[in-house]
Amino acid sequence: MSVLPLSDSLPIQALASCFRSTAAAYKFYWFLSILQEVERGNHKIRKMDLFAGMIANAWYTINYFKLSFGKLDQLQIAVEEIRLNENINIDENKSVILNILKNSNNPRTSSNLRHFDKEVPHRFLSPWFSNIKGNRKEIYSLSQLFSNECLYALNETDIVINPKWIDYITYNSGVLKHFCYWNLSLYVQRHNPNVPDIPNKLIKPAKRGSLFKHRQFWNNVINQYGPIHCIYTNRILDIDDYAVEHFVPYAFVSHDLIWNLIPADQRFNSVKCDKLPPLDKYFDSYFDIQALAIRTVLERSCDKKFQEDYLTIIPDLISVNTISKESLKERFKNNIQPLVTIANNNGFEFIK
């Protein structure tokens, strides 16, 4: 979405300009924070609450999916420091994070939040005051008169939404969020060019998809070929006596395609969590299990979705019957190895 809803009385172009040539992530999260507060009916909003909202909205993207906003991005630095200072789980709910930050007495957390007050509130208004080039004092002064129909007025502790903008924001809130996330996804993709599925890593999903059908599939594999040894512990896994495990962590691939799923010892799976498997140690065993899975897909009536999952590796699935095992293994390795390398470069650790 590249166009905002029009208005006959408001300078929509100024709002759109906020997201052009963006050199830092703060603008997206500042605006999202404002939208969420207006949705709650708040029109006079504490800046510290907005800063807390910025942290909470960026939390999952940075901590769970390990995406980068840039090496020197202050929002990313603040999120990482607050996680350590407040000892908050990487996948904590946004509402819990907000509550912790709004009520924290930790001076380091307060410092992290207040840091944004130096630049964020007035620089966001720069498109309304392009002739004064981000002059903090002047923008604060002019904003209090809602000069140039600016989005909000600023004082030392709060922002006050311009009454002329309230109906526009309230009515178009969903569209405005989509516009913001669309631009944010482009920004994040530039900093993570090889990472898949960026748009779905900007918001914590309400609920992970079920792996019930995937478990049924692996039960069919075991039923046909006998118990499978866990590639990590060598424990024998029988029907339903295993965890369905993402070989490359879900937090990186963000999908449940069958070529990245294998049965694994439940106890080890809980320890492995979002760590990467060293390929020199585990790839061969992973491939042997996947080879059984492909045979099952070809020889038995399986959900067509699982056949489609393998097409990303083997576009002509029937050709499996004519190519050598080593050639098939090479195709799997060419698919898995770059993912593991990129994930490690983005901060995912290897199993030790």
Protein backbone atom coordinates (compact mmCIF):
# COMPACT_ATOMS: atom_id res chain seq x y z
CA MET A 1 0.00 0.00 0.00
CA SER A 2 1.72 3.18 -1.22
CA VAL A 3 -1.11 5.74 -1.10
CA LEU A 4 -2.89 7.25 1.92
CA PRO A 5 -6.61 8.12 1.97
CA LEU A 6 -7.14 11.66 0.67
CA SER A 7 -8.62 14.60 2.54
CA ASP A 8 -9.86 17.96 1.27
CA SER A 9 -8.80 19.80 4.42
CA LEU A 10 -5.64 18.06 5.68
CA PRO A 11 -2.05 18.02 4.31
CA ILE A 12 -1.93 14.26 3.70
CA GLN A 13 1.22 14.66 1.62
CA ALA A 14 3.08 15.83 4.73
CA LEU A 15 2.11 12.64 6.56
CA ALA A 16 3.14 10.49 3.60
CA SER A 17 6.48 12.31 3.46
CA CYS A 18 7.33 11.12 6.98
CA PHE A 19 8.17 7.69 5.56
CA ARG A 20 10.27 8.70 2.58
CA SER A 21 14.05 8.26 2.65
CA THR A 22 13.85 6.90 6.18
CA ALA A 23 17.27 6.32 7.74
CA ALA A 24 16.05 4.88 11.05
CA ALA A 25 13.17 2.71 12.24
CA TYR A 26 11.85 5.08 14.89
CA LYS A 27 9.41 6.92 12.59
CA PHE A 28 7.40 3.78 11.86
CA TYR A 29 7.11 2.74 15.47
CA TRP A 30 6.41 6.27 16.73
CA PHE A 31 3.48 6.57 14.32
CA LEU A 32 2.18 3.07 15.15
CA SER A 33 2.31 3.99 18.82
CA ILE A 34 0.30 7.15 18.15
CA LEU A 35 -2.31 5.23 16.15
CA GLN A 36 -2.76 2.69 18.92
CA GLU A 37 -3.24 5.38 21.55
CA VAL A 38 -5.81 7.21 19.40
CA GLU A 39 -7.65 3.92 18.90
CA ARG A 40 -7.92 3.72 22.69
CA GLY A 41 -9.52 7.15 22.68
CA ASN A 42 -6.45 9.03 23.94
CA HIS A 43 -5.78 12.40 22.32
CA LYS A 44 -3.41 13.86 24.92
CA ILE A 45 -0.68 11.26 25.25
CA ARG A 46 2.40 11.03 27.46
CA LYS A 47 5.53 10.84 25.37
CA MET A 48 6.97 8.19 27.69
CA ASP A 49 3.93 6.00 26.95
CA LEU A 50 4.56 6.41 23.24
CA PHE A 51 8.23 5.50 23.68
CA ALA A 52 7.16 2.40 25.60
CA GLY A 53 4.81 1.56 22.72
CA MET A 54 7.69 1.85 20.26
CA ILE A 55 9.69 -0.69 22.26
CA ALA A 56 6.74 -3.06 22.65
CA ASN A 57 5.83 -2.96 18.95
CA ALA A 58 9.41 -3.66 17.85
CA TRP A 59 10.03 -6.30 20.53
CA TYR A 60 9.08 -9.50 18.70
CA THR A 61 10.68 -8.47 15.43
CA ILE A 62 14.05 -7.80 17.06
CA ASN A 63 14.17 -10.34 19.87
CA TYR A 64 12.33 -13.35 18.47
CA PHE A 65 12.87 -13.08 14.73
CA LYS A 66 16.29 -11.42 15.20
CA LEU A 67 15.84 -8.94 12.38
CA SER A 68 18.21 -6.00 12.11
CA PHE A 69 17.21 -2.35 11.82
CA GLY A 70 20.82 -1.37 11.15
CA LYS A 71 23.94 -1.60 13.30
CA LEU A 72 23.54 1.86 14.82
CA ASP A 73 19.73 1.98 15.00
CA GLN A 74 18.86 3.42 18.42
CA LEU A 75 15.52 1.65 18.67
CA GLN A 76 17.15 -1.73 18.21
CA ILE A 77 19.83 -0.87 20.77
CA ALA A 78 17.18 0.23 23.27
CA VAL A 79 15.09 -2.93 22.77
CA GLU A 80 18.11 -5.16 23.35
CA GLU A 81 19.27 -3.23 26.42
CA ILE A 82 15.79 -3.15 27.98
CA ARG A 83 15.38 -6.90 27.48
CA LEU A 84 18.49 -7.45 29.60
CA ASN A 85 17.75 -4.74 32.16
CA GLU A 86 14.15 -5.80 32.74
CA ASN A 87 14.68 -9.55 32.16
CA ILE A 88 11.68 -9.79 29.83
CA ASN A 89 11.14 -12.94 27.73
CA ILE A 90 11.87 -12.56 24.02
CA ASP A 91 8.34 -13.70 23.10
CA GLU A 92 6.44 -11.85 25.83
CA ASN A 93 3.02 -10.42 25.00
CA LYS A 94 2.99 -6.78 23.96
CA SER A 95 0.52 -5.80 26.69
CA VAL A 96 2.81 -7.24 29.36
CA ILE A 97 5.83 -5.42 27.93
CA LEU A 98 3.90 -2.15 27.87
CA ASN A 99 2.83 -2.57 31.47
CA ILE A 100 6.39 -3.32 32.61
CA LEU A 101 7.84 -0.32 30.79
CA LYS A 102 5.17 2.13 31.91
CA ASN A 103 5.66 1.12 35.55
CA SER A 104 9.41 0.48 35.61
CA ASN A 105 11.55 2.16 38.26
CA ASN A 106 14.75 1.02 36.58
CA PRO A 107 16.82 4.15 35.83
CA ARG A 108 18.48 2.48 32.85
CA THR A 109 15.08 1.70 31.30
CA SER A 110 13.96 5.27 31.91
CA SER A 111 17.14 6.50 30.23
CA ASN A 112 16.56 4.22 27.24
CA LEU A 113 13.05 5.61 26.78
CA ARG A 114 13.94 9.26 27.36
CA HIS A 115 16.68 9.04 24.76
CA PHE A 116 14.00 9.15 22.04
CA ASP A 117 12.72 12.50 23.30
CA LYS A 118 15.83 14.20 21.94
CA GLU A 119 14.89 13.67 18.31
CA VAL A 120 11.78 11.59 17.62
CA PRO A 121 8.73 13.77 18.44
CA HIS A 122 9.83 16.93 16.63
CA ARG A 123 11.66 15.28 13.73
CA PHE A 124 8.51 13.35 12.81
CA LEU A 125 6.85 16.74 12.23
CA SER A 126 9.62 17.93 9.89
CA PRO A 127 7.49 17.59 6.70
CA TRP A 128 5.09 20.17 8.14
CA PHE A 129 7.98 22.54 8.85
CA SER A 130 10.44 21.83 6.05
CA ASN A 131 11.75 25.40 6.06
CA ILE A 132 13.28 25.13 9.56
CA LYS A 133 15.12 21.81 9.10
CA GLY A 134 14.32 19.99 12.32
CA ASN A 135 14.87 22.91 14.69
CA ARG A 136 13.55 21.44 17.95
CA LYS A 137 12.68 24.69 19.73
CA GLU A 138 10.87 26.24 16.78
CA ILE A 139 8.92 23.10 15.92
CA TYR A 140 7.78 22.74 19.53
CA SER A 141 6.62 26.37 19.52
CA LEU A 142 4.84 26.25 16.16
CA SER A 143 3.24 22.88 16.85
CA GLN A 144 1.45 24.27 19.89
CA LEU A 145 -0.52 26.50 17.50
CA PHE A 146 -1.10 23.51 15.18
CA SER A 147 0.67 25.54 12.51
CA ASN A 148 0.47 24.16 8.97
CA GLU A 149 -2.22 21.75 10.21
CA CYS A 150 0.50 19.60 11.83
CA LEU A 151 -0.50 16.23 13.26
CA TYR A 152 0.05 17.08 16.93
CA ALA A 153 1.25 19.71 19.38
CA LEU A 154 4.33 19.13 21.52
CA ASN A 155 5.29 20.06 25.05
CA GLU A 156 7.93 18.61 27.35
CA THR A 157 5.81 15.70 28.60
CA ASP A 158 2.98 15.11 26.12
CA ILE A 159 1.72 15.31 22.59
CA VAL A 160 -1.79 16.56 21.85
CA ILE A 161 -3.42 15.31 18.65
CA ASN A 162 -4.65 18.10 16.40
CA PRO A 163 -8.48 17.97 16.66
CA LYS A 164 -8.68 18.32 12.87
CA TRP A 165 -6.80 15.03 12.47
CA ILE A 166 -8.74 12.93 15.02
CA ASP A 167 -11.60 11.88 12.74
CA TYR A 168 -9.23 11.11 9.87
CA ILE A 169 -7.02 8.92 12.09
CA THR A 170 -9.95 7.20 13.79
CA TYR A 171 -11.79 6.42 10.57
CA ASN A 172 -8.69 5.36 8.61
CA SER A 173 -6.76 3.70 11.43
CA GLY A 174 -6.56 0.30 9.76
CA VAL A 175 -5.44 1.75 6.43
CA LEU A 176 -2.86 3.95 8.15
CA LYS A 177 -1.40 0.95 9.96
CA HIS A 178 -1.21 -1.03 6.72
CA PHE A 179 0.54 1.92 5.08
CA CYS A 180 3.01 2.13 7.95
CA TYR A 181 3.73 -1.62 8.00
CA TRP A 182 4.10 -1.68 4.22
CA ASN A 183 6.80 1.00 4.39
CA LEU A 184 8.35 -0.65 7.45
CA SER A 185 8.62 -3.97 5.61
CA LEU A 186 10.51 -2.25 2.79
CA TYR A 187 12.84 -0.64 5.32
CA VAL A 188 13.50 -3.90 7.19
CA GLN A 189 13.97 -5.84 3.95
CA ARG A 190 16.76 -3.42 2.93
CA HIS A 191 18.60 -4.25 6.14
CA ASN A 192 17.87 -8.01 5.90
CA PRO A 193 18.01 -8.67 2.13
CA ASN A 194 18.30 -12.47 2.38
CA VAL A 195 15.80 -13.10 5.16
CA PRO A 196 12.48 -14.66 4.08
CA ASP A 197 8.94 -13.54 4.89
CA ILE A 198 9.71 -10.09 6.34
CA PRO A 199 6.07 -8.83 6.44
CA ASN A 200 5.01 -11.71 8.69
CA LYS A 201 7.84 -10.98 11.12
CA LEU A 202 6.72 -7.46 12.00
CA ILE A 203 3.87 -8.53 14.29
CA LYS A 204 3.70 -11.36 16.80
CA PRO A 205 1.18 -13.87 15.39
CA ALA A 206 -1.87 -14.36 17.59
CA LYS A 207 -1.37 -18.11 17.39
CA ARG A 208 1.08 -20.43 15.66
CA GLY A 209 -0.41 -22.77 13.06
CA SER A 210 -1.27 -26.32 14.09
CA LEU A 211 1.16 -29.12 13.20
CA PHE A 212 -1.53 -31.82 13.56
CA LYS A 213 -1.53 -32.73 9.85
CA HIS A 214 2.25 -32.71 9.80
CA ARG A 215 2.27 -35.17 12.70
CA GLN A 216 -0.19 -37.40 10.84
CA PHE A 217 2.16 -37.33 7.86
CA TRP A 218 5.16 -38.39 9.93
CA ASN A 219 3.06 -41.10 11.57
CA ASN A 220 2.44 -42.43 8.05
CA VAL A 221 6.18 -42.39 7.33
CA ILE A 222 6.93 -44.30 10.53
CA ASN A 223 4.06 -46.71 9.89
CA GLN A 224 5.47 -47.51 6.46
CA TYR A 225 9.20 -47.65 7.20
CA GLY A 226 9.37 -48.38 10.92
CA PRO A 227 10.60 -46.32 13.89
CA ILE A 228 12.96 -43.41 13.17
CA HIS A 229 16.06 -42.54 15.18
CA CYS A 230 16.18 -38.95 16.46
CA ILE A 231 19.00 -37.23 14.62
CA TYR A 232 20.04 -35.40 17.81
CA THR A 233 19.85 -38.08 20.52
CA ASN A 234 19.63 -41.31 18.49
CA ARG A 235 16.56 -42.24 20.55
CA ILE A 236 14.09 -44.49 18.69
CA LEU A 237 10.91 -42.56 17.84
CA ASP A 238 7.67 -44.43 17.30
CA ILE A 239 4.23 -43.23 16.21
CA ASP A 240 3.23 -40.11 18.19
CA ASP A 241 6.27 -40.52 20.44
CA TYR A 242 8.09 -37.43 19.19
CA ALA A 243 7.96 -33.68 18.67
CA VAL A 244 7.50 -32.27 15.16
CA GLU A 245 10.63 -30.15 14.96
CA HIS A 246 11.77 -27.31 12.69
CA PHE A 247 15.26 -28.22 11.47
CA VAL A 248 15.97 -24.56 10.66
CA PRO A 249 14.19 -22.57 13.41
CA TYR A 250 10.66 -21.35 12.75
CA ALA A 251 11.76 -17.96 14.09
CA PHE A 252 13.89 -17.63 10.96
CA VAL A 253 11.97 -19.41 8.18
CA SER A 254 8.50 -18.44 9.48
CA HIS A 255 6.78 -21.41 7.81
CA ASP A 256 5.84 -25.05 8.41
CA LEU A 257 6.87 -26.56 5.07
CA ILE A 258 7.39 -30.29 5.42
CA TRP A 259 10.97 -30.25 4.06
CA ASN A 260 12.01 -28.32 7.17
CA LEU A 261 10.13 -30.55 9.63
CA ILE A 262 11.34 -33.82 11.15
CA PRO A 263 10.38 -35.99 14.12
CA ALA A 264 12.67 -35.39 17.10
CA ASP A 265 13.10 -36.45 20.70
CA GLN A 266 10.64 -34.30 22.67
CA ARG A 267 13.12 -33.68 25.46
CA PHE A 268 15.82 -32.44 23.09
CA ASN A 269 13.38 -30.36 21.07
CA SER A 270 12.56 -28.26 24.14
CA VAL A 271 16.29 -27.67 24.68
CA LYS A 272 17.11 -26.95 21.03
CA CYS A 273 14.47 -24.21 20.91
CA ASP A 274 15.55 -21.68 18.23
CA LYS A 275 19.12 -22.89 17.82
CA LEU A 276 20.64 -23.94 14.53
CA PRO A 277 21.86 -27.49 13.76
CA PRO A 278 25.53 -27.66 12.67
CA LEU A 279 25.20 -29.20 9.21
CA ASP A 280 28.46 -31.14 9.38
CA LYS A 281 26.97 -33.07 12.30
CA TYR A 282 23.26 -33.33 11.51
CA PHE A 283 22.62 -32.80 7.79
CA ASP A 284 23.17 -36.40 6.64
CA SER A 285 20.71 -37.79 9.19
CA TYR A 286 18.21 -35.03 8.42
CA PHE A 287 18.40 -35.89 4.72
CA ASP A 288 17.93 -39.63 5.33
CA ILE A 289 14.64 -38.90 7.13
CA GLN A 290 13.54 -36.49 4.40
CA ALA A 291 14.30 -39.13 1.75
CA LEU A 292 11.79 -41.43 3.49
CA ALA A 293 9.28 -38.59 3.55
CA ILE A 294 9.59 -38.01 -0.21
CA ARG A 295 9.07 -41.72 -0.87
CA THR A 296 5.94 -41.57 1.26
CA VAL A 297 4.67 -38.53 -0.68
CA LEU A 298 5.17 -40.36 -3.98
CA GLU A 299 3.97 -43.82 -2.97
CA ARG A 300 0.99 -43.05 -0.75
CA SER A 301 -2.05 -40.79 -0.92
CA CYS A 302 -0.88 -37.79 1.06
CA ASP A 303 -2.18 -34.29 1.48
CA LYS A 304 -1.33 -32.49 -1.79
CA LYS A 305 0.05 -29.64 0.26
CA PHE A 306 3.04 -31.79 1.26
CA GLN A 307 3.77 -32.55 -2.37
CA GLU A 308 3.66 -28.82 -3.09
CA ASP A 309 6.01 -28.13 -0.17
CA TYR A 310 8.75 -30.15 -1.86
CA LEU A 311 8.40 -28.32 -5.19
CA THR A 312 10.64 -25.50 -3.88
CA ILE A 313 13.48 -28.04 -3.80
CA ILE A 314 12.42 -30.43 -6.56
CA PRO A 315 10.26 -28.60 -9.14
CA ASP A 316 9.58 -31.91 -10.95
CA LEU A 317 8.84 -34.21 -8.03
CA ILE A 318 8.43 -37.29 -10.22
CA SER A 319 12.09 -36.91 -11.26
CA VAL A 320 13.06 -38.19 -7.80
CA ASN A 321 12.63 -41.68 -9.22
CA THR A 322 15.29 -41.07 -11.85
CA ILE A 323 17.96 -38.98 -10.10
CA SER A 324 20.62 -40.41 -7.84
CA LYS A 325 20.46 -40.21 -4.07
CA GLU A 326 23.58 -38.03 -4.05
CA SER A 327 22.03 -35.61 -6.54
CA LEU A 328 18.88 -35.38 -4.41
CA LYS A 329 21.00 -34.86 -1.33
CA GLU A 330 22.85 -32.03 -3.03
CA ARG A 331 19.56 -30.30 -3.83
CA PHE A 332 18.53 -30.45 -0.19
CA LYS A 333 21.91 -29.14 0.92
CA ASN A 334 21.75 -26.26 -1.56
CA ASN A 335 18.39 -25.35 -0.06
CA ILE A 336 19.27 -25.70 3.63
CA GLN A 337 22.85 -24.44 3.78
CA PRO A 338 22.17 -20.80 2.75
CA LEU A 339 19.30 -20.61 5.25
CA VAL A 340 21.52 -21.78 8.10
CA THR A 341 24.32 -19.38 7.09
CA ILE A 342 22.00 -16.36 6.84
CA ALA A 343 20.24 -17.26 10.10
CA ASN A 344 23.58 -17.47 11.90
CA ASN A 345 24.62 -14.11 10.42
CA ASN A 346 21.40 -12.65 11.84
CA GLY A 347 22.17 -13.81 15.38
CA PHE A 348 20.76 -17.33 15.61
CA GLU A 349 23.17 -19.53 17.57
CA PHE A 350 24.26 -23.10 16.84
CA ILE A 351 23.48 -26.04 19.10
CA LYS A 352 26.49 -26.61 21.35
